[in-house]
Amino acid sequence: MDLPASGVVASLSGGMERTTGRPFDGAGDAPYDGITLAEGSVLVQIIQDLLREVQEGRILDVRVGVFWTAVVAEVEGAVRCGLASTLYGGHTDAEPPVPQAGHLLDMSARELANMALAGCPPRSSIGLAAINALLPPYLEGAVELNAETILSDLGRNRKVALVGHFPFVERLRENVGELWVLELQPRGGDLPASAAAQVIPQADVLALTGTTLLNGTFESLMRIRRPDAQVLVLGPTTPLSPVLFRHGAHYLSGSVVDDVAAVVKGVSQAAGFRQIHRLGVRLVTLARPGVGL
């Protein structure tokens, strides 16, 4: 599950410059002030590729909750909801976090999706949630399996590196050969994020939260993986799009919102992922063509 993860590796900038702070994980963290997106970086390429794939639509609602951001759009007569982890930044009189706040529904769907390139929370969260709402539903071949199940299968008798501490960690540890959990705020059995450069190159399987597309760490973490490592991108922030397959992912474990009204209400009322899952989110996994599930 894609918790608003604190599992970031600040020392690995990967083509974009990290500034102060970190993503909000609900534990009283300092504001995360964003990243400077470098033209030509892998992250910019991914977002631009995703933007080329989004469909035209009409934005119906935008909710920025404590943990999750939801964008609701009408696309080809269907109502869809996209999710992303909420990253937040400090408010200043000179530059409010969302200058267009109060007028987001006046923006076109494409304008809202373009916020994913802002490199500034929570605009980047709004933009990626909009992209997730507007992407074509690439669900042919998708199976209703969650990330824990996929990682248990992929990691049997193998070494797994997981960026971010997820609720299934202890169960997963029993089902794989070796598990390294990288955390900015390590809990029992976790490794500090600074250990990424030592453990990721050893991993047979690398699991990255979709939030790495928001906090700027996706490129740097992918760069240090073993060339033959299998890569899973997981959580509701994850765009279910072949774009990520072209950038090194083998599996995408994301979400489909089935009950839009209930999920949006939960997001607005500070629901965590377990809660919005119960309210109407289905967990699905896509595999790169030629890679079995």
Protein backbone atom coordinates (compact mmCIF):
# COMPACT_ATOMS: atom_id res chain seq x y z
CA MET A 1 0.00 0.00 0.00
CA ASP A 2 1.25 3.38 -0.94
CA LEU A 3 1.30 5.16 2.37
CA PRO A 4 2.31 8.82 2.10
CA ALA A 5 5.74 7.34 2.41
CA SER A 6 8.61 8.76 4.36
CA GLY A 7 10.84 6.25 2.59
CA VAL A 8 12.85 8.75 0.58
CA VAL A 9 16.57 8.89 -0.02
CA ALA A 10 17.53 12.54 0.20
CA SER A 11 21.16 11.89 -0.67
CA LEU A 12 20.25 10.47 -4.08
CA SER A 13 19.10 13.42 -6.15
CA GLY A 14 18.96 11.72 -9.54
CA GLY A 15 18.88 14.67 -11.89
CA MET A 16 16.79 16.97 -9.73
CA GLU A 17 17.82 18.98 -6.72
CA ARG A 18 16.17 18.10 -3.42
CA THR A 19 15.35 21.08 -1.25
CA THR A 20 14.53 21.11 2.43
CA GLY A 21 11.92 19.03 4.17
CA ARG A 22 10.27 15.71 3.36
CA PRO A 23 6.86 14.28 2.48
CA PHE A 24 4.23 14.37 5.20
CA ASP A 25 3.68 10.95 6.74
CA GLY A 26 1.17 11.89 9.40
CA ALA A 27 3.72 11.87 12.20
CA GLY A 28 4.36 15.57 12.55
CA ASP A 29 6.99 15.89 9.86
CA ALA A 30 8.31 19.19 8.64
CA PRO A 31 6.98 20.53 5.34
CA TYR A 32 8.42 19.11 2.16
CA ASP A 33 9.24 22.10 -0.04
CA GLY A 34 9.67 20.24 -3.28
CA ILE A 35 12.22 19.51 -5.96
CA THR A 36 13.62 21.37 -8.90
CA LEU A 37 12.77 19.33 -11.97
CA ALA A 38 15.71 19.13 -14.36
CA GLU A 39 14.81 19.31 -18.03
CA GLY A 40 15.61 15.96 -19.61
CA SER A 41 15.61 14.06 -16.31
CA VAL A 42 13.93 10.67 -16.21
CA LEU A 43 11.19 12.03 -13.94
CA VAL A 44 10.35 14.83 -16.37
CA GLN A 45 10.36 12.34 -19.24
CA ILE A 46 7.97 10.06 -17.37
CA ILE A 47 5.55 12.87 -16.54
CA GLN A 48 5.68 14.26 -20.08
CA ASP A 49 5.05 10.78 -21.49
CA LEU A 50 2.08 10.37 -19.14
CA LEU A 51 0.71 13.77 -20.13
CA ARG A 52 0.82 12.74 -23.78
CA GLU A 53 -1.39 9.76 -22.92
CA VAL A 54 -4.09 11.49 -20.86
CA GLN A 55 -7.54 11.77 -22.36
CA GLU A 56 -9.63 14.90 -22.62
CA GLY A 57 -12.12 15.28 -19.80
CA ARG A 58 -13.97 17.63 -17.51
CA ILE A 59 -12.82 18.09 -13.92
CA LEU A 60 -15.67 17.55 -11.47
CA ASP A 61 -13.94 17.72 -8.11
CA VAL A 62 -10.56 18.14 -6.42
CA ARG A 63 -9.97 17.13 -2.81
CA VAL A 64 -6.65 17.58 -1.02
CA GLY A 65 -6.85 15.52 2.15
CA VAL A 66 -4.35 15.04 4.93
CA PHE A 67 -3.02 11.79 3.46
CA TRP A 68 -4.48 11.54 -0.04
CA THR A 69 -5.36 13.81 -2.93
CA ALA A 70 -8.29 12.89 -5.19
CA VAL A 71 -9.25 14.31 -8.57
CA VAL A 72 -12.58 13.38 -10.12
CA ALA A 73 -13.08 13.76 -13.87
CA GLU A 74 -15.69 12.88 -16.44
CA VAL A 75 -14.04 11.18 -19.41
CA GLU A 76 -16.06 9.89 -22.35
CA GLY A 77 -19.19 9.87 -20.23
CA ALA A 78 -17.60 7.91 -17.36
CA VAL A 79 -16.74 9.35 -13.95
CA ARG A 80 -13.23 8.44 -12.83
CA CYS A 81 -11.21 9.22 -9.74
CA GLY A 82 -7.43 9.41 -9.56
CA LEU A 83 -5.45 9.32 -6.31
CA ALA A 84 -2.01 10.46 -5.20
CA SER A 85 -0.24 10.82 -1.88
CA THR A 86 -0.58 14.31 -0.46
CA LEU A 87 2.72 16.10 -0.11
CA TYR A 88 2.54 19.44 1.60
CA GLY A 89 4.78 22.50 1.71
CA GLY A 90 5.13 25.51 3.91
CA HIS A 91 2.82 28.46 3.28
CA THR A 92 4.40 31.81 2.46
CA ASP A 93 2.75 35.12 1.70
CA ALA A 94 4.80 35.35 -1.49
CA GLU A 95 3.82 31.94 -2.87
CA PRO A 96 0.85 30.00 -1.47
CA PRO A 97 1.07 26.21 -1.93
CA VAL A 98 -1.73 26.25 -4.53
CA PRO A 99 -2.12 29.72 -6.06
CA GLN A 100 -5.23 28.56 -7.95
CA ALA A 101 -6.96 27.25 -4.81
CA GLY A 102 -10.69 27.96 -5.01
CA HIS A 103 -10.57 28.00 -8.81
CA LEU A 104 -9.24 24.54 -9.67
CA LEU A 105 -12.56 23.51 -11.21
CA ASP A 106 -12.23 26.42 -13.62
CA MET A 107 -9.07 24.87 -15.07
CA SER A 108 -9.07 22.47 -17.97
CA ALA A 109 -8.25 18.84 -17.28
CA ARG A 110 -4.93 19.20 -19.07
CA GLU A 111 -4.00 22.33 -17.12
CA LEU A 112 -4.65 20.47 -13.88
CA ALA A 113 -2.63 17.45 -15.00
CA ASN A 114 0.26 19.73 -15.95
CA MET A 115 0.63 20.57 -12.25
CA ALA A 116 2.53 17.27 -11.99
CA LEU A 117 5.48 19.19 -13.46
CA ALA A 118 5.32 21.90 -10.79
CA GLY A 119 7.86 20.16 -8.53
CA CYS A 120 6.06 21.82 -5.63
CA PRO A 121 3.68 20.26 -3.14
CA PRO A 122 0.78 19.92 -3.05
CA ARG A 123 0.46 20.98 -6.70
CA SER A 124 2.46 17.96 -7.85
CA SER A 125 0.07 15.69 -5.91
CA ILE A 126 -2.93 17.34 -7.57
CA GLY A 127 -1.31 16.97 -10.98
CA LEU A 128 -0.49 13.28 -10.60
CA ALA A 129 -3.96 12.53 -9.21
CA ALA A 130 -5.40 14.28 -12.29
CA ILE A 131 -3.17 12.20 -14.56
CA ASN A 132 -4.39 9.03 -12.83
CA ALA A 133 -8.00 10.10 -13.41
CA LEU A 134 -7.41 10.92 -17.08
CA LEU A 135 -5.23 8.01 -18.22
CA PRO A 136 -6.88 5.46 -20.48
CA PRO A 137 -7.92 2.44 -18.40
CA TYR A 138 -5.09 0.07 -19.24
CA LEU A 139 -6.70 -2.82 -17.41
CA GLU A 140 -6.60 -5.52 -20.05
CA GLY A 141 -4.51 -8.25 -18.49
CA ALA A 142 -4.73 -6.71 -15.02
CA VAL A 143 -5.27 -9.09 -12.12
CA GLU A 144 -6.73 -8.32 -8.72
CA LEU A 145 -3.60 -8.96 -6.73
CA ASN A 146 -2.07 -6.63 -4.16
CA ALA A 147 1.58 -5.70 -3.87
CA GLU A 148 2.14 -7.97 -0.86
CA THR A 149 1.12 -11.03 -2.87
CA ILE A 150 3.29 -10.07 -5.84
CA LEU A 151 6.32 -9.39 -3.64
CA SER A 152 5.83 -12.66 -1.76
CA ASP A 153 5.90 -14.54 -5.05
CA LEU A 154 8.78 -12.60 -6.61
CA GLY A 155 10.86 -12.63 -3.42
CA ARG A 156 10.67 -16.31 -2.54
CA ASN A 157 14.26 -17.33 -1.70
CA ARG A 158 15.45 -13.97 -3.08
CA LYS A 159 16.59 -10.60 -1.76
CA VAL A 160 14.00 -7.80 -1.73
CA ALA A 161 14.58 -4.07 -1.18
CA LEU A 162 11.42 -2.16 -0.24
CA VAL A 163 11.50 1.64 -0.12
CA GLY A 164 9.10 2.67 2.64
CA HIS A 165 7.65 0.79 5.60
CA PHE A 166 4.29 -0.73 4.70
CA PRO A 167 1.76 -2.52 6.93
CA PHE A 168 2.55 -5.88 5.34
CA VAL A 169 6.30 -5.76 6.10
CA GLU A 170 6.34 -8.34 8.89
CA ARG A 171 4.27 -10.84 6.90
CA LEU A 172 6.42 -10.26 3.84
CA ARG A 173 9.61 -10.84 5.82
CA GLU A 174 8.43 -14.40 6.51
CA ASN A 175 7.82 -15.12 2.82
CA VAL A 176 10.99 -13.87 1.11
CA GLY A 177 14.63 -14.87 1.30
CA GLU A 178 15.80 -11.54 2.73
CA LEU A 179 14.00 -8.22 3.11
CA TRP A 180 15.56 -4.79 3.45
CA VAL A 181 13.15 -2.00 4.32
CA LEU A 182 14.57 1.48 3.75
CA GLU A 183 13.00 4.21 5.86
CA LEU A 184 13.70 7.84 6.62
CA GLN A 185 12.38 7.12 10.11
CA PRO A 186 13.37 3.47 10.67
CA ARG A 187 11.24 1.22 12.84
CA GLY A 188 12.25 -2.13 14.26
CA GLY A 189 14.07 -4.11 11.59
CA ASP A 190 14.25 -1.21 9.10
CA LEU A 191 17.38 0.32 7.65
CA PRO A 192 17.98 4.07 7.40
CA ALA A 193 17.36 5.57 3.97
CA SER A 194 21.07 6.36 3.77
CA ALA A 195 21.73 2.61 3.37
CA ALA A 196 20.05 2.56 -0.06
CA ALA A 197 23.32 2.74 -1.98
CA GLN A 198 24.57 -0.35 -0.13
CA VAL A 199 21.50 -2.61 -0.28
CA ILE A 200 19.64 -1.78 -3.50
CA PRO A 201 22.49 -2.99 -5.77
CA GLN A 202 22.24 -6.36 -3.99
CA ALA A 203 18.49 -6.77 -4.41
CA ASP A 204 16.91 -9.29 -6.78
CA VAL A 205 13.62 -7.40 -6.41
CA LEU A 206 13.20 -3.65 -5.92
CA ALA A 207 9.84 -2.27 -4.75
CA LEU A 208 9.27 1.47 -4.98
CA THR A 209 6.23 3.38 -3.79
CA GLY A 210 4.58 5.50 -6.48
CA THR A 211 5.29 8.46 -4.22
CA THR A 212 8.87 8.39 -5.53
CA LEU A 213 7.40 9.99 -8.66
CA LEU A 214 6.33 12.92 -6.50
CA ASN A 215 9.33 13.37 -4.22
CA GLY A 216 11.97 13.07 -6.93
CA THR A 217 13.70 9.85 -5.84
CA PHE A 218 12.49 7.46 -8.56
CA GLU A 219 15.38 8.12 -10.93
CA SER A 220 18.16 7.88 -8.35
CA LEU A 221 16.82 4.66 -6.86
CA MET A 222 16.38 3.04 -10.26
CA ARG A 223 19.89 4.06 -11.28
CA ILE A 224 21.54 1.99 -8.53
CA ARG A 225 19.49 -1.18 -9.01
CA ARG A 226 21.02 -4.30 -10.48
CA PRO A 227 20.40 -4.50 -14.24
CA ASP A 228 18.63 -7.85 -13.81
CA ALA A 229 16.55 -6.82 -10.79
CA GLN A 230 12.77 -7.02 -11.10
CA VAL A 231 11.05 -3.73 -10.27
CA LEU A 232 7.61 -3.24 -8.77
CA VAL A 233 6.04 0.21 -8.41
CA LEU A 234 3.24 0.07 -5.87
CA GLY A 235 0.43 2.03 -4.32
CA PRO A 236 -2.49 4.25 -5.38
CA THR A 237 -0.15 7.01 -6.56
CA THR A 238 1.23 4.62 -9.20
CA PRO A 239 0.04 5.46 -12.72
CA LEU A 240 -1.31 2.28 -14.31
CA SER A 241 0.34 3.02 -17.63
CA PRO A 242 2.82 1.29 -19.98
CA VAL A 243 4.92 4.45 -19.65
CA LEU A 244 6.48 3.05 -16.47
CA PHE A 245 7.32 -0.20 -18.23
CA ARG A 246 9.36 1.81 -20.72
CA HIS A 247 11.25 3.32 -17.79
CA GLY A 248 12.29 0.07 -16.14
CA ALA A 249 9.29 -1.22 -14.17
CA HIS A 250 8.20 -4.84 -14.56
CA TYR A 251 5.05 -4.68 -12.42
CA LEU A 252 2.62 -1.94 -11.41
CA SER A 253 0.47 -2.54 -8.34
CA GLY A 254 -2.01 0.31 -8.15
CA SER A 255 -5.65 1.01 -7.52
CA VAL A 256 -8.96 1.53 -9.27
CA VAL A 257 -11.60 3.63 -7.50
CA ASP A 258 -14.96 1.90 -7.83
CA ASP A 259 -17.05 3.98 -5.42
CA VAL A 260 -16.02 7.53 -6.29
CA ALA A 261 -18.40 9.33 -3.95
CA ALA A 262 -17.45 7.27 -0.90
CA VAL A 263 -13.71 7.47 -1.55
CA VAL A 264 -13.76 11.23 -2.14
CA LYS A 265 -15.70 11.71 1.07
CA GLY A 266 -13.16 9.59 2.94
CA VAL A 267 -10.22 11.51 1.46
CA SER A 268 -11.83 14.76 2.63
CA GLN A 269 -12.19 13.36 6.14
CA ALA A 270 -8.53 12.34 6.56
CA ALA A 271 -9.02 8.65 5.77
CA GLY A 272 -5.88 6.55 5.57
CA PHE A 273 -5.42 4.02 2.81
CA ARG A 274 -6.90 1.08 4.68
CA GLN A 275 -10.04 3.16 5.15
CA ILE A 276 -10.39 4.31 1.55
CA HIS A 277 -9.66 0.75 0.41
CA ARG A 278 -12.69 -0.42 2.35
CA LEU A 279 -14.74 2.50 1.05
CA GLY A 280 -14.33 1.47 -2.56
CA VAL A 281 -10.80 1.00 -3.91
CA ARG A 282 -9.83 -2.13 -5.82
CA LEU A 283 -6.16 -3.25 -5.88
CA VAL A 284 -4.88 -4.41 -9.26
CA THR A 285 -1.54 -5.36 -10.78
CA LEU A 286 -0.31 -4.99 -14.35
CA ALA A 287 2.73 -6.80 -15.71
CA ARG A 288 5.01 -5.68 -18.51
CA PRO A 289 4.26 -7.63 -21.71
CA GLY A 290 6.27 -10.81 -21.68
CA VAL A 291 6.51 -10.85 -17.89
CA GLY A 292 4.17 -13.32 -16.22
CA LEU A 293 2.03 -12.84 -13.13
